[in-house]
Amino acid sequence: MKIEEILSQFGLSQKDSAVYLSSLELGTASATRIARKAGIKRTTSYDILEELMERGLIGQTQKGKKRLFYAGEPEELLKLLDRKKEQLMEAMPILKSIYNTAGAKPKIRYYEGIEGLKEVYRDTLSYYGELSAFITENVITKLGQTFVNEYKAKRKRAKISVRVIGPDTPEIIEYKKLDKKDLQQTRLVSQEKFPFSIEMNIYGNKLAFMSFKEEMGVIIESNEIAKNMKLLFELAWKGAGK
């Protein structure tokens, strides 16, 4: 990383850095010499030097009627960093109060189209605990066997197990036969009594809803909603047939 890039982390612009580094190299010098070395106008250099003095990075002295400037010890940058840290710590209670207020609201993301549905599926692999899902038989038809196989392979490599509740259709019955191989447990419910038309996944503090008919998905991020939907899933799991 270039020194100018490092100085930018301290809030110094490109011209600020040029003036500071020129002063550091020249030692005690006039604004004219510093401006010439920094490649900026002399009038501009005065404004920058004044600003750097306020930050404690530049000092000044007098030689007769002439003002001379000099860079402080490079350690002054560390002091500047400490001051910024102190200011941040003072603002922390306010920042936390804003975060807590925002954190209480569910975060909702919408996805459209086949690619959007695939993004929702990929997001379920961001949580390395167990997945809980209500499934339909439309996933392969819509997303394709290749994508489904890749998704399963990634899930198994990450050792993410899944419990699913699905309708007793021929497709889901075949799906259930792969339980042991695919790190999954499947329980069936009557398609006639429970004709699911969307898929729902519960993982961590998130819920993912996928409508293959409408080709849209929604991810809701909320501790409370996810916790209560997980309770409903457990209730359904106990009542579902093996």
C-alpha atoms as a PDB file:
ATOM      1  CA  MET A   1       0.000   0.000   0.000  1.00  0.00           C
ATOM      2  CA  LYS A   2       1.340   3.449  -0.953  1.00  0.00           C
ATOM      3  CA  ILE A   3       2.068   5.953   1.807  1.00  0.00           C
ATOM      4  CA  GLU A   4      -0.580   8.295   0.343  1.00  0.00           C
ATOM      5  CA  GLU A   5      -3.182   5.535   0.677  1.00  0.00           C
ATOM      6  CA  ILE A   6      -2.174   4.987   4.304  1.00  0.00           C
ATOM      7  CA  LEU A   7      -2.409   8.715   5.050  1.00  0.00           C
ATOM      8  CA  SER A   8      -5.863   8.812   3.460  1.00  0.00           C
ATOM      9  CA  GLN A   9      -6.992   6.507   6.296  1.00  0.00           C
ATOM     10  CA  PHE A  10      -6.246   9.426   8.631  1.00  0.00           C
ATOM     11  CA  GLY A  11      -8.517  11.708   6.628  1.00  0.00           C
ATOM     12  CA  LEU A  12      -5.763  13.338   4.567  1.00  0.00           C
ATOM     13  CA  SER A  13      -6.633  14.215   0.983  1.00  0.00           C
ATOM     14  CA  GLN A  14      -4.151  13.802  -1.855  1.00  0.00           C
ATOM     15  CA  LYS A  15      -3.057  17.444  -1.518  1.00  0.00           C
ATOM     16  CA  ASP A  16      -2.919  17.190   2.285  1.00  0.00           C
ATOM     17  CA  SER A  17      -0.614  14.187   1.967  1.00  0.00           C
ATOM     18  CA  ALA A  18       1.578  15.951  -0.600  1.00  0.00           C
ATOM     19  CA  VAL A  19       2.026  18.963   1.695  1.00  0.00           C
ATOM     20  CA  TYR A  20       2.676  16.813   4.774  1.00  0.00           C
ATOM     21  CA  LEU A  21       5.220  14.576   3.026  1.00  0.00           C
ATOM     22  CA  SER A  22       6.966  17.568   1.426  1.00  0.00           C
ATOM     23  CA  SER A  23       7.237  19.276   4.793  1.00  0.00           C
ATOM     24  CA  LEU A  24       8.495  16.061   6.364  1.00  0.00           C
ATOM     25  CA  GLU A  25      11.244  15.826   3.749  1.00  0.00           C
ATOM     26  CA  LEU A  26      12.234  19.509   3.709  1.00  0.00           C
ATOM     27  CA  GLY A  27      12.313  20.045   7.436  1.00  0.00           C
ATOM     28  CA  THR A  28      11.733  23.688   8.385  1.00  0.00           C
ATOM     29  CA  ALA A  29      10.708  25.517   5.203  1.00  0.00           C
ATOM     30  CA  SER A  30       8.588  28.334   3.847  1.00  0.00           C
ATOM     31  CA  ALA A  31       5.121  27.776   2.415  1.00  0.00           C
ATOM     32  CA  THR A  32       6.532  28.643  -1.010  1.00  0.00           C
ATOM     33  CA  ARG A  33       9.136  25.841  -0.905  1.00  0.00           C
ATOM     34  CA  ILE A  34       6.624  23.356   0.452  1.00  0.00           C
ATOM     35  CA  ALA A  35       4.085  24.294  -2.232  1.00  0.00           C
ATOM     36  CA  ARG A  36       6.689  23.976  -4.980  1.00  0.00           C
ATOM     37  CA  LYS A  37       7.766  20.525  -3.815  1.00  0.00           C
ATOM     38  CA  ALA A  38       4.167  19.382  -3.341  1.00  0.00           C
ATOM     39  CA  GLY A  39       3.237  20.650  -6.801  1.00  0.00           C
ATOM     40  CA  ILE A  40       0.420  22.914  -5.655  1.00  0.00           C
ATOM     41  CA  LYS A  41      -0.290  26.646  -5.614  1.00  0.00           C
ATOM     42  CA  ARG A  42       1.270  28.664  -2.788  1.00  0.00           C
ATOM     43  CA  THR A  43      -2.112  30.134  -1.786  1.00  0.00           C
ATOM     44  CA  THR A  44      -3.559  26.627  -1.541  1.00  0.00           C
ATOM     45  CA  SER A  45      -0.627  25.461   0.560  1.00  0.00           C
ATOM     46  CA  TYR A  46      -1.390  28.053   3.255  1.00  0.00           C
ATOM     47  CA  ASP A  47      -4.923  26.700   3.710  1.00  0.00           C
ATOM     48  CA  ILE A  48      -3.654  23.130   3.894  1.00  0.00           C
ATOM     49  CA  LEU A  49      -0.848  24.010   6.296  1.00  0.00           C
ATOM     50  CA  GLU A  50      -3.327  25.763   8.603  1.00  0.00           C
ATOM     51  CA  GLU A  51      -5.557  22.688   8.560  1.00  0.00           C
ATOM     52  CA  LEU A  52      -2.645  20.337   9.251  1.00  0.00           C
ATOM     53  CA  MET A  53      -1.564  22.559  12.151  1.00  0.00           C
ATOM     54  CA  GLU A  54      -5.046  22.185  13.651  1.00  0.00           C
ATOM     55  CA  ARG A  55      -4.581  18.430  13.453  1.00  0.00           C
ATOM     56  CA  GLY A  56      -1.196  18.672  15.157  1.00  0.00           C
ATOM     57  CA  LEU A  57       0.716  17.339  12.159  1.00  0.00           C
ATOM     58  CA  ILE A  58       2.455  20.601  11.235  1.00  0.00           C
ATOM     59  CA  GLY A  59       4.120  23.222  13.440  1.00  0.00           C
ATOM     60  CA  GLN A  60       5.288  26.728  12.650  1.00  0.00           C
ATOM     61  CA  THR A  61       8.089  29.041  13.712  1.00  0.00           C
ATOM     62  CA  GLN A  62       9.113  32.599  12.928  1.00  0.00           C
ATOM     63  CA  LYS A  63      12.394  33.716  11.357  1.00  0.00           C
ATOM     64  CA  GLY A  64      12.335  37.492  11.310  1.00  0.00           C
ATOM     65  CA  LYS A  65       9.110  38.378   9.543  1.00  0.00           C
ATOM     66  CA  LYS A  66       8.985  35.081   7.693  1.00  0.00           C
ATOM     67  CA  ARG A  67       6.714  32.197   8.736  1.00  0.00           C
ATOM     68  CA  LEU A  68       8.309  28.799   8.452  1.00  0.00           C
ATOM     69  CA  PHE A  69       6.624  25.424   8.776  1.00  0.00           C
ATOM     70  CA  TYR A  70       7.841  22.015   9.839  1.00  0.00           C
ATOM     71  CA  ALA A  71       6.302  18.565  10.104  1.00  0.00           C
ATOM     72  CA  GLY A  72       5.845  17.103  13.551  1.00  0.00           C
ATOM     73  CA  GLU A  73       7.244  13.719  14.502  1.00  0.00           C
ATOM     74  CA  PRO A  74       5.567  10.902  12.520  1.00  0.00           C
ATOM     75  CA  GLU A  75       4.349   9.583  15.898  1.00  0.00           C
ATOM     76  CA  GLU A  76       1.857  12.466  15.805  1.00  0.00           C
ATOM     77  CA  LEU A  77      -0.146  10.312  13.396  1.00  0.00           C
ATOM     78  CA  LEU A  78      -0.603   7.769  16.172  1.00  0.00           C
ATOM     79  CA  LYS A  79      -1.867  10.525  18.453  1.00  0.00           C
ATOM     80  CA  LEU A  80      -4.291  11.555  15.712  1.00  0.00           C
ATOM     81  CA  LEU A  81      -5.490   7.962  15.537  1.00  0.00           C
ATOM     82  CA  ASP A  82      -5.941   7.897  19.320  1.00  0.00           C
ATOM     83  CA  ARG A  83      -8.014  11.090  19.170  1.00  0.00           C
ATOM     84  CA  LYS A  84     -10.227   9.604  16.473  1.00  0.00           C
ATOM     85  CA  LYS A  85     -10.650   6.479  18.600  1.00  0.00           C
ATOM     86  CA  GLU A  86     -11.668   8.604  21.601  1.00  0.00           C
ATOM     87  CA  GLN A  87     -14.208  10.467  19.469  1.00  0.00           C
ATOM     88  CA  LEU A  88     -15.589   7.176  18.206  1.00  0.00           C
ATOM     89  CA  MET A  89     -15.894   5.830  21.755  1.00  0.00           C
ATOM     90  CA  GLU A  90     -17.811   8.966  22.750  1.00  0.00           C
ATOM     91  CA  ALA A  91     -20.211   8.392  19.859  1.00  0.00           C
ATOM     92  CA  MET A  92     -20.570   4.658  20.571  1.00  0.00           C
ATOM     93  CA  PRO A  93     -23.645   4.925  22.874  1.00  0.00           C
ATOM     94  CA  ILE A  94     -25.509   6.832  20.153  1.00  0.00           C
ATOM     95  CA  LEU A  95     -24.413   4.378  17.452  1.00  0.00           C
ATOM     96  CA  LYS A  96     -25.506   1.423  19.589  1.00  0.00           C
ATOM     97  CA  SER A  97     -28.909   2.965  20.248  1.00  0.00           C
ATOM     98  CA  ILE A  98     -29.390   3.431  16.495  1.00  0.00           C
ATOM     99  CA  TYR A  99     -28.244  -0.151  15.863  1.00  0.00           C
ATOM    100  CA  ASN A 100     -30.606  -1.581  18.471  1.00  0.00           C
ATOM    101  CA  THR A 101     -33.529   0.344  17.021  1.00  0.00           C
ATOM    102  CA  ALA A 102     -32.756  -0.856  13.517  1.00  0.00           C
ATOM    103  CA  GLY A 103     -31.942  -4.364  14.719  1.00  0.00           C
ATOM    104  CA  ALA A 104     -35.437  -4.752  16.147  1.00  0.00           C
ATOM    105  CA  LYS A 105     -36.926  -4.447  12.658  1.00  0.00           C
ATOM    106  CA  PRO A 106     -36.945  -7.497  10.386  1.00  0.00           C
ATOM    107  CA  LYS A 107     -34.736  -7.203   7.311  1.00  0.00           C
ATOM    108  CA  ILE A 108     -36.574  -8.257   4.172  1.00  0.00           C
ATOM    109  CA  ARG A 109     -35.013  -8.979   0.779  1.00  0.00           C
ATOM    110  CA  TYR A 110     -36.925  -9.768  -2.408  1.00  0.00           C
ATOM    111  CA  TYR A 111     -35.677 -11.844  -5.341  1.00  0.00           C
ATOM    112  CA  GLU A 112     -37.222 -12.344  -8.764  1.00  0.00           C
ATOM    113  CA  GLY A 113     -36.791 -14.839 -11.574  1.00  0.00           C
ATOM    114  CA  ILE A 114     -35.013 -18.170 -11.707  1.00  0.00           C
ATOM    115  CA  GLU A 115     -31.655 -16.600 -10.867  1.00  0.00           C
ATOM    116  CA  GLY A 116     -33.267 -14.871  -7.901  1.00  0.00           C
ATOM    117  CA  LEU A 117     -34.601 -18.199  -6.616  1.00  0.00           C
ATOM    118  CA  LYS A 118     -31.128 -19.703  -6.960  1.00  0.00           C
ATOM    119  CA  GLU A 119     -29.716 -16.826  -4.880  1.00  0.00           C
ATOM    120  CA  VAL A 120     -32.238 -17.593  -2.139  1.00  0.00           C
ATOM    121  CA  TYR A 121     -31.171 -21.245  -2.182  1.00  0.00           C
ATOM    122  CA  ARG A 122     -27.494 -20.294  -1.978  1.00  0.00           C
ATOM    123  CA  ASP A 123     -28.190 -18.082   1.019  1.00  0.00           C
ATOM    124  CA  THR A 124     -29.454 -21.080   2.989  1.00  0.00           C
ATOM    125  CA  LEU A 125     -25.869 -22.374   2.958  1.00  0.00           C
ATOM    126  CA  SER A 126     -24.669 -19.287   4.839  1.00  0.00           C
ATOM    127  CA  TYR A 127     -25.820 -20.932   8.089  1.00  0.00           C
ATOM    128  CA  TYR A 128     -23.852 -23.977   9.193  1.00  0.00           C
ATOM    129  CA  GLY A 129     -26.460 -25.411  11.512  1.00  0.00           C
ATOM    130  CA  GLU A 130     -29.402 -27.616  10.629  1.00  0.00           C
ATOM    131  CA  LEU A 131     -31.921 -26.454   8.026  1.00  0.00           C
ATOM    132  CA  SER A 132     -35.650 -26.973   8.521  1.00  0.00           C
ATOM    133  CA  ALA A 133     -37.868 -26.828   5.461  1.00  0.00           C
ATOM    134  CA  PHE A 134     -41.347 -27.282   4.054  1.00  0.00           C
ATOM    135  CA  ILE A 135     -40.753 -28.375   0.458  1.00  0.00           C
ATOM    136  CA  THR A 136     -42.663 -28.816  -2.795  1.00  0.00           C
ATOM    137  CA  GLU A 137     -41.932 -30.958  -5.832  1.00  0.00           C
ATOM    138  CA  ASN A 138     -41.271 -28.034  -8.182  1.00  0.00           C
ATOM    139  CA  VAL A 139     -37.645 -27.236  -7.377  1.00  0.00           C
ATOM    140  CA  ILE A 140     -36.031 -29.511  -9.984  1.00  0.00           C
ATOM    141  CA  THR A 141     -38.531 -28.505 -12.675  1.00  0.00           C
ATOM    142  CA  LYS A 142     -37.776 -24.818 -12.144  1.00  0.00           C
ATOM    143  CA  LEU A 143     -34.108 -24.712 -11.140  1.00  0.00           C
ATOM    144  CA  GLY A 144     -32.844 -27.729 -13.042  1.00  0.00           C
ATOM    145  CA  GLN A 145     -31.221 -30.973 -11.960  1.00  0.00           C
ATOM    146  CA  THR A 146     -27.687 -29.584 -12.392  1.00  0.00           C
ATOM    147  CA  PHE A 147     -28.253 -26.723  -9.949  1.00  0.00           C
ATOM    148  CA  VAL A 148     -29.986 -29.006  -7.430  1.00  0.00           C
ATOM    149  CA  ASN A 149     -27.102 -31.494  -7.580  1.00  0.00           C
ATOM    150  CA  GLU A 150     -24.532 -28.712  -7.092  1.00  0.00           C
ATOM    151  CA  TYR A 151     -26.519 -27.285  -4.171  1.00  0.00           C
ATOM    152  CA  LYS A 152     -26.746 -30.693  -2.488  1.00  0.00           C
ATOM    153  CA  ALA A 153     -23.029 -31.303  -2.989  1.00  0.00           C
ATOM    154  CA  LYS A 154     -22.135 -27.949  -1.372  1.00  0.00           C
ATOM    155  CA  ARG A 155     -24.526 -28.605   1.499  1.00  0.00           C
ATOM    156  CA  LYS A 156     -23.021 -32.016   2.160  1.00  0.00           C
ATOM    157  CA  ARG A 157     -19.448 -30.708   1.949  1.00  0.00           C
ATOM    158  CA  ALA A 158     -20.382 -28.122   4.567  1.00  0.00           C
ATOM    159  CA  LYS A 159     -21.963 -30.945   6.632  1.00  0.00           C
ATOM    160  CA  ILE A 160     -25.268 -29.049   6.789  1.00  0.00           C
ATOM    161  CA  SER A 161     -28.080 -31.461   7.574  1.00  0.00           C
ATOM    162  CA  VAL A 162     -31.707 -30.757   6.745  1.00  0.00           C
ATOM    163  CA  ARG A 163     -35.088 -31.884   8.030  1.00  0.00           C
ATOM    164  CA  VAL A 164     -37.896 -31.516   5.529  1.00  0.00           C
ATOM    165  CA  ILE A 165     -41.654 -31.913   5.528  1.00  0.00           C
ATOM    166  CA  GLY A 166     -43.131 -32.503   2.095  1.00  0.00           C
ATOM    167  CA  PRO A 167     -46.235 -33.812   0.325  1.00  0.00           C
ATOM    168  CA  ASP A 168     -46.565 -37.538  -0.317  1.00  0.00           C
ATOM    169  CA  THR A 169     -46.176 -37.218  -4.079  1.00  0.00           C
ATOM    170  CA  PRO A 170     -44.111 -39.709  -6.110  1.00  0.00           C
ATOM    171  CA  GLU A 171     -41.327 -37.115  -6.514  1.00  0.00           C
ATOM    172  CA  ILE A 172     -41.005 -36.453  -2.772  1.00  0.00           C
ATOM    173  CA  ILE A 173     -41.239 -40.163  -1.973  1.00  0.00           C
ATOM    174  CA  GLU A 174     -38.231 -40.687  -4.286  1.00  0.00           C
ATOM    175  CA  TYR A 175     -36.518 -37.743  -2.580  1.00  0.00           C
ATOM    176  CA  LYS A 176     -37.040 -39.427   0.795  1.00  0.00           C
ATOM    177  CA  LYS A 177     -35.179 -42.538  -0.387  1.00  0.00           C
ATOM    178  CA  LEU A 178     -31.989 -40.442  -0.505  1.00  0.00           C
ATOM    179  CA  ASP A 179     -32.239 -39.348   3.143  1.00  0.00           C
ATOM    180  CA  LYS A 180     -29.218 -41.198   4.465  1.00  0.00           C
ATOM    181  CA  LYS A 181     -27.018 -40.407   1.468  1.00  0.00           C
ATOM    182  CA  ASP A 182     -27.928 -36.709   1.374  1.00  0.00           C
ATOM    183  CA  LEU A 183     -27.742 -35.819   5.102  1.00  0.00           C
ATOM    184  CA  GLN A 184     -31.488 -35.302   5.287  1.00  0.00           C
ATOM    185  CA  GLN A 185     -34.560 -36.513   7.140  1.00  0.00           C
ATOM    186  CA  THR A 186     -37.891 -36.410   5.342  1.00  0.00           C
ATOM    187  CA  ARG A 187     -41.392 -36.701   6.735  1.00  0.00           C
ATOM    188  CA  LEU A 188     -44.461 -36.855   4.529  1.00  0.00           C
ATOM    189  CA  VAL A 189     -47.881 -35.278   4.822  1.00  0.00           C
ATOM    190  CA  SER A 190     -50.979 -35.751   2.715  1.00  0.00           C
ATOM    191  CA  GLN A 191     -50.794 -33.809  -0.541  1.00  0.00           C
ATOM    192  CA  GLU A 192     -54.591 -33.747  -0.557  1.00  0.00           C
ATOM    193  CA  LYS A 193     -54.842 -32.189   2.911  1.00  0.00           C
ATOM    194  CA  PHE A 194     -51.715 -30.004   2.710  1.00  0.00           C
ATOM    195  CA  PRO A 195     -51.181 -28.892  -0.904  1.00  0.00           C
ATOM    196  CA  PHE A 196     -48.042 -26.784  -0.404  1.00  0.00           C
ATOM    197  CA  SER A 197     -47.473 -24.328  -3.251  1.00  0.00           C
ATOM    198  CA  ILE A 198     -44.373 -22.577  -1.872  1.00  0.00           C
ATOM    199  CA  GLU A 199     -41.190 -23.767  -0.209  1.00  0.00           C
ATOM    200  CA  MET A 200     -40.040 -22.404   3.136  1.00  0.00           C
ATOM    201  CA  ASN A 201     -36.601 -22.779   4.734  1.00  0.00           C
ATOM    202  CA  ILE A 202     -35.706 -21.872   8.325  1.00  0.00           C
ATOM    203  CA  TYR A 203     -31.995 -21.383   9.057  1.00  0.00           C
ATOM    204  CA  GLY A 204     -30.410 -19.434  11.871  1.00  0.00           C
ATOM    205  CA  ASN A 205     -32.292 -16.165  12.229  1.00  0.00           C
ATOM    206  CA  LYS A 206     -33.610 -16.276   8.662  1.00  0.00           C
ATOM    207  CA  LEU A 207     -36.673 -17.489   6.792  1.00  0.00           C
ATOM    208  CA  ALA A 208     -36.643 -18.073   3.052  1.00  0.00           C
ATOM    209  CA  PHE A 209     -39.887 -18.325   1.077  1.00  0.00           C
ATOM    210  CA  MET A 210     -39.811 -19.473  -2.554  1.00  0.00           C
ATOM    211  CA  SER A 211     -42.751 -19.404  -4.941  1.00  0.00           C
ATOM    212  CA  PHE A 212     -41.830 -21.414  -8.024  1.00  0.00           C
ATOM    213  CA  LYS A 213     -45.139 -20.580  -9.686  1.00  0.00           C
ATOM    214  CA  GLU A 214     -44.547 -16.824  -9.358  1.00  0.00           C
ATOM    215  CA  GLU A 215     -40.769 -17.189  -9.695  1.00  0.00           C
ATOM    216  CA  MET A 216     -40.047 -15.005  -6.693  1.00  0.00           C
ATOM    217  CA  GLY A 217     -38.399 -15.413  -3.320  1.00  0.00           C
ATOM    218  CA  VAL A 218     -38.260 -13.557  -0.023  1.00  0.00           C
ATOM    219  CA  ILE A 219     -35.682 -13.736   2.776  1.00  0.00           C
ATOM    220  CA  ILE A 220     -36.729 -12.411   6.174  1.00  0.00           C
ATOM    221  CA  GLU A 221     -34.032 -11.870   8.785  1.00  0.00           C
ATOM    222  CA  SER A 222     -35.496 -11.720  12.296  1.00  0.00           C
ATOM    223  CA  ASN A 223     -34.627 -13.618  15.456  1.00  0.00           C
ATOM    224  CA  GLU A 224     -38.200 -13.542  16.761  1.00  0.00           C
ATOM    225  CA  ILE A 225     -39.909 -14.565  13.529  1.00  0.00           C
ATOM    226  CA  ALA A 226     -37.384 -17.331  12.837  1.00  0.00           C
ATOM    227  CA  LYS A 227     -37.651 -18.642  16.396  1.00  0.00           C
ATOM    228  CA  ASN A 228     -41.440 -18.854  16.275  1.00  0.00           C
ATOM    229  CA  MET A 229     -41.542 -20.377  12.798  1.00  0.00           C
ATOM    230  CA  LYS A 230     -39.070 -23.008  14.016  1.00  0.00           C
ATOM    231  CA  LEU A 231     -41.525 -23.840  16.815  1.00  0.00           C
ATOM    232  CA  LEU A 232     -44.300 -24.257  14.246  1.00  0.00           C
ATOM    233  CA  PHE A 233     -42.022 -26.498  12.204  1.00  0.00           C
ATOM    234  CA  GLU A 234     -41.310 -28.663  15.268  1.00  0.00           C
ATOM    235  CA  LEU A 235     -45.049 -28.929  15.890  1.00  0.00           C
ATOM    236  CA  ALA A 236     -45.615 -30.010  12.280  1.00  0.00           C
ATOM    237  CA  TRP A 237     -42.640 -32.393  12.443  1.00  0.00           C
ATOM    238  CA  LYS A 238     -44.124 -34.250  15.389  1.00  0.00           C
ATOM    239  CA  GLY A 239     -47.452 -34.575  13.607  1.00  0.00           C
ATOM    240  CA  ALA A 240     -46.061 -35.603  10.224  1.00  0.00           C
ATOM    241  CA  GLY A 241     -45.838 -39.210   9.144  1.00  0.00           C
ATOM    242  CA  LYS A 242     -42.481 -40.957   8.913  1.00  0.00           C
END
